[in-house]
Amino acid sequence: MLDPLSSLDEILKGKILLINKPKNWTSFDVVKKIKSTIKQKHNISKVKIGHAGTLDPLATGLLIICTGKFTKKIAEIQEQNKTYIGELILGKTTPSYDLETNFDAYFPTQHINKEMLIAASKSFIGKIDQIPPLYSALKVKGERLYHKARRGEKVKISSRKVEISSFILTDISLPKIHFKIVCSKGTYIRSIAHDFGKKVDSGEYLSSLTRTTIGEHMLSNSIEIHDILN
């Protein structure tokens, strides 16, 4: 494999790197590692680098890294639709809406059938009002929400408009549901999981998530972060 960081001139002029973010890495971890690798490799003190669209630590998949003058493209890339695949599990909830936190409530699932689930998924299509999770990187009064959540603070979070272009249940094996979602910038799949559970009079959390596309950029064309670092 050709080293995508071999040419300092290309890095400074601008590169777009498609990275397959590993589980338990933050998006900032990836940026930090690539940045330090470039600085060490080319013996420079600073370089512009940023990412277009944050992934939660427990999520995997496509993370776009821009270097040099291409950091100006970040806002444009972030505006593009994104595709996710993953797994939802009915009957339990967590404060973070995923497996970052422990289960806090249990719900019945015996009344749920395939028809109910398909109808619930269709109700998300279009522009919807969504409340982001308390455990998120959004800032309120200059502080990340997850810091407030970990201190047990109660915070009122305003809803915002997002758009769901497609929500397909690719496999239903209760309590597990596999899905594919195409959505706009700013959509929290964890919030969809939480709200989906409510729509079928139960509870639900996101057990796994992978981002497969951002606009025309595809996970299948991405590079493993360890290949770059090595």
Protein backbone atom coordinates (compact mmCIF):
# COMPACT_ATOMS: atom_id res chain seq x y z
CA MET A 1 0.00 0.00 0.00
CA LEU A 2 1.27 3.46 -0.88
CA ASP A 3 1.93 5.67 2.14
CA PRO A 4 -0.69 8.49 2.00
CA LEU A 5 1.50 10.64 4.25
CA SER A 6 4.73 10.28 2.27
CA SER A 7 4.53 13.63 0.45
CA LEU A 8 4.72 16.72 2.66
CA ASP A 9 3.95 18.92 -0.35
CA GLU A 10 0.67 17.05 -0.95
CA ILE A 11 -0.22 17.20 2.74
CA LEU A 12 0.26 20.98 2.87
CA LYS A 13 -1.54 21.60 -0.42
CA GLY A 14 -4.37 19.48 0.90
CA LYS A 15 -5.38 15.83 1.13
CA ILE A 16 -8.59 14.04 1.98
CA LEU A 17 -7.97 10.83 3.92
CA LEU A 18 -10.74 8.27 4.34
CA ILE A 19 -10.15 6.47 7.62
CA ASN A 20 -11.95 3.45 9.06
CA LYS A 21 -12.26 4.61 12.67
CA PRO A 22 -11.81 1.76 15.16
CA LYS A 23 -14.12 1.14 18.08
CA ASN A 24 -13.15 2.90 21.35
CA TRP A 25 -11.23 5.62 19.52
CA THR A 26 -12.60 9.15 19.59
CA SER A 27 -12.57 11.12 16.36
CA PHE A 28 -10.08 13.48 18.02
CA ASP A 29 -7.84 10.49 18.84
CA VAL A 30 -7.59 9.76 15.10
CA VAL A 31 -6.82 13.40 14.25
CA LYS A 32 -4.22 13.61 17.01
CA LYS A 33 -2.45 10.40 15.95
CA ILE A 34 -2.31 11.34 12.27
CA LYS A 35 -1.15 14.84 13.11
CA SER A 36 1.68 13.59 15.33
CA THR A 37 2.68 11.02 12.68
CA ILE A 38 2.94 13.74 10.01
CA LYS A 39 4.97 16.04 12.29
CA GLN A 40 7.35 13.25 13.27
CA LYS A 41 7.69 11.82 9.76
CA HIS A 42 8.47 15.17 8.14
CA ASN A 43 10.17 16.86 11.12
CA ILE A 44 7.80 19.84 11.18
CA SER A 45 6.34 21.69 14.16
CA LYS A 46 2.80 22.25 12.96
CA VAL A 47 0.32 21.19 10.29
CA LYS A 48 -3.34 21.93 9.66
CA ILE A 49 -5.57 18.89 10.06
CA GLY A 50 -9.21 18.31 10.97
CA HIS A 51 -12.10 15.88 10.63
CA ALA A 52 -15.47 16.23 8.89
CA GLY A 53 -18.20 14.72 11.04
CA THR A 54 -17.63 13.28 14.50
CA LEU A 55 -18.20 9.61 15.29
CA ASP A 56 -18.95 8.46 18.84
CA PRO A 57 -16.18 6.42 20.51
CA LEU A 58 -18.22 3.19 20.31
CA ALA A 59 -19.05 3.73 16.63
CA THR A 60 -16.84 2.56 13.78
CA GLY A 61 -16.56 3.40 10.13
CA LEU A 62 -15.87 6.26 7.79
CA LEU A 63 -14.11 9.29 9.24
CA ILE A 64 -12.90 11.92 6.77
CA ILE A 65 -9.64 13.69 7.63
CA CYS A 66 -8.60 16.85 5.77
CA THR A 67 -5.08 18.27 5.76
CA GLY A 68 -3.49 21.57 4.75
CA LYS A 69 -5.61 23.84 2.56
CA PHE A 70 -8.30 21.14 2.28
CA THR A 71 -9.34 21.88 5.88
CA LYS A 72 -11.41 24.61 4.22
CA LYS A 73 -13.52 21.83 2.69
CA ILE A 74 -14.60 20.45 6.09
CA ALA A 75 -17.80 22.49 6.37
CA GLU A 76 -18.80 21.50 2.83
CA ILE A 77 -18.20 17.79 3.50
CA GLN A 78 -20.10 17.90 6.79
CA GLU A 79 -23.20 19.17 5.00
CA GLN A 80 -23.47 16.00 2.92
CA ASN A 81 -25.83 13.13 3.76
CA LYS A 82 -24.46 10.18 5.70
CA THR A 83 -25.31 6.47 5.70
CA TYR A 84 -25.17 4.29 8.80
CA ILE A 85 -25.75 0.61 9.49
CA GLY A 86 -26.09 -0.88 12.94
CA GLU A 87 -28.01 -2.83 15.52
CA LEU A 88 -30.77 -1.80 17.93
CA ILE A 89 -31.87 -3.88 20.91
CA LEU A 90 -35.36 -3.62 22.37
CA GLY A 91 -36.35 -3.99 26.01
CA LYS A 92 -33.65 -1.95 27.74
CA THR A 93 -32.43 1.66 27.87
CA THR A 94 -29.26 3.40 29.00
CA PRO A 95 -28.71 7.09 29.88
CA SER A 96 -26.36 7.47 26.88
CA TYR A 97 -28.72 5.56 24.53
CA ASP A 98 -25.84 3.16 23.73
CA LEU A 99 -23.45 0.90 25.66
CA GLU A 100 -21.28 3.71 27.05
CA THR A 101 -23.42 3.64 30.23
CA ASN A 102 -25.17 0.88 32.19
CA PHE A 103 -28.79 -0.18 31.76
CA ASP A 104 -31.19 2.02 33.71
CA ALA A 105 -34.62 0.59 32.80
CA TYR A 106 -36.27 -2.54 31.41
CA PHE A 107 -39.38 -2.76 29.23
CA PRO A 108 -41.76 -5.40 27.83
CA THR A 109 -41.31 -6.54 24.23
CA GLN A 110 -43.89 -9.35 23.94
CA HIS A 111 -46.44 -7.03 22.31
CA ILE A 112 -44.08 -5.98 19.49
CA ASN A 113 -44.34 -7.48 16.01
CA LYS A 114 -42.74 -6.87 12.63
CA GLU A 115 -45.60 -4.69 11.35
CA MET A 116 -45.32 -2.34 14.35
CA LEU A 117 -41.58 -1.98 13.84
CA ILE A 118 -41.88 -1.21 10.12
CA ALA A 119 -44.61 1.36 10.79
CA ALA A 120 -42.48 2.98 13.49
CA SER A 121 -39.45 3.20 11.18
CA LYS A 122 -41.54 4.89 8.48
CA SER A 123 -42.67 7.57 10.95
CA PHE A 124 -39.10 8.91 11.09
CA ILE A 125 -38.86 9.61 7.35
CA GLY A 126 -38.66 13.29 6.42
CA LYS A 127 -37.79 16.33 8.51
CA ILE A 128 -38.19 15.65 12.22
CA ASP A 129 -37.50 17.41 15.52
CA GLN A 130 -34.78 15.54 17.39
CA ILE A 131 -33.39 16.06 20.87
CA PRO A 132 -29.66 15.18 21.01
CA PRO A 133 -28.49 12.81 23.78
CA LEU A 134 -27.28 14.29 27.05
CA TYR A 135 -24.15 12.17 26.57
CA SER A 136 -22.91 14.06 23.51
CA ALA A 137 -20.16 16.47 22.48
CA LEU A 138 -22.56 19.37 22.01
CA LYS A 139 -21.63 22.45 24.02
CA VAL A 140 -23.94 24.25 26.44
CA LYS A 141 -22.52 27.43 27.98
CA GLY A 142 -19.07 26.48 26.70
CA GLU A 143 -18.99 22.95 28.17
CA ARG A 144 -19.51 19.57 26.49
CA LEU A 145 -22.79 17.97 27.48
CA TYR A 146 -21.15 14.65 28.39
CA HIS A 147 -19.18 16.40 31.15
CA LYS A 148 -22.44 17.63 32.67
CA ALA A 149 -24.01 14.18 32.24
CA ARG A 150 -21.16 12.45 34.06
CA ARG A 151 -21.63 14.85 36.99
CA GLY A 152 -25.31 13.94 37.06
CA GLU A 153 -26.49 17.44 36.13
CA LYS A 154 -29.93 18.00 34.64
CA VAL A 155 -29.75 20.02 31.43
CA LYS A 156 -32.59 21.17 29.19
CA ILE A 157 -31.62 20.38 25.60
CA SER A 158 -33.45 22.06 22.74
CA SER A 159 -34.68 20.00 19.82
CA ARG A 160 -33.42 20.63 16.32
CA LYS A 161 -34.48 19.80 12.79
CA VAL A 162 -32.83 16.86 11.05
CA GLU A 163 -33.85 14.94 7.96
CA ILE A 164 -34.09 11.17 7.54
CA SER A 165 -34.06 10.18 3.87
CA SER A 166 -34.24 6.42 4.43
CA PHE A 167 -34.74 4.11 7.42
CA ILE A 168 -34.76 0.43 6.48
CA LEU A 169 -34.96 -2.48 8.93
CA THR A 170 -32.66 -4.97 7.22
CA ASP A 171 -33.20 -7.82 9.71
CA ILE A 172 -35.63 -8.31 12.59
CA SER A 173 -34.70 -11.02 15.10
CA LEU A 174 -36.29 -9.71 18.28
CA PRO A 175 -35.04 -8.22 20.47
CA LYS A 176 -32.36 -7.37 17.89
CA ILE A 177 -33.04 -5.17 14.88
CA HIS A 178 -30.50 -4.42 12.14
CA PHE A 179 -30.98 -1.23 10.19
CA LYS A 180 -29.68 1.12 7.51
CA ILE A 181 -30.27 4.88 7.77
CA VAL A 182 -29.50 7.75 5.38
CA CYS A 183 -29.70 11.10 7.16
CA SER A 184 -28.64 14.73 7.23
CA LYS A 185 -25.89 16.47 9.12
CA GLY A 186 -26.41 16.60 12.89
CA THR A 187 -28.55 13.47 13.18
CA TYR A 188 -27.94 11.37 16.29
CA ILE A 189 -28.61 7.70 15.59
CA ARG A 190 -28.62 7.09 19.35
CA SER A 191 -31.57 9.46 19.68
CA ILE A 192 -33.37 7.62 16.89
CA ALA A 193 -32.82 4.36 18.82
CA HIS A 194 -34.24 5.91 21.99
CA ASP A 195 -37.24 7.47 20.25
CA PHE A 196 -37.90 4.31 18.21
CA GLY A 197 -38.30 2.32 21.42
CA LYS A 198 -40.88 4.80 22.69
CA LYS A 199 -42.88 4.54 19.45
CA VAL A 200 -43.44 0.83 20.07
CA ASP A 201 -44.21 1.31 23.78
CA SER A 202 -40.93 -0.15 24.93
CA GLY A 203 -37.32 0.88 25.38
CA GLU A 204 -34.36 0.53 23.07
CA TYR A 205 -30.66 1.27 22.82
CA LEU A 206 -28.05 1.35 20.08
CA SER A 207 -25.75 -1.67 20.40
CA SER A 208 -23.51 -1.06 17.37
CA LEU A 209 -23.05 1.57 14.66
CA THR A 210 -20.93 1.90 11.52
CA ARG A 211 -20.86 4.87 9.14
CA THR A 212 -20.55 3.64 5.57
CA THR A 213 -20.79 6.82 3.46
CA ILE A 214 -20.48 10.59 3.62
CA GLY A 215 -21.73 12.01 0.34
CA GLU A 216 -19.83 10.18 -2.40
CA HIS A 217 -17.07 9.04 -0.01
CA MET A 218 -17.33 5.36 0.89
CA LEU A 219 -16.05 3.23 3.76
CA SER A 220 -14.98 0.59 1.21
CA ASN A 221 -12.31 3.04 -0.01
CA SER A 222 -11.00 3.83 3.48
CA ILE A 223 -7.65 3.06 5.11
CA GLU A 224 -7.14 1.37 8.47
CA ILE A 225 -5.65 3.83 10.96
CA HIS A 226 -3.02 1.28 12.03
CA ASP A 227 -1.76 1.01 8.44
CA ILE A 228 -1.06 4.74 8.43
CA LEU A 229 0.57 4.78 11.86
CA ASN A 230 2.79 1.80 11.00
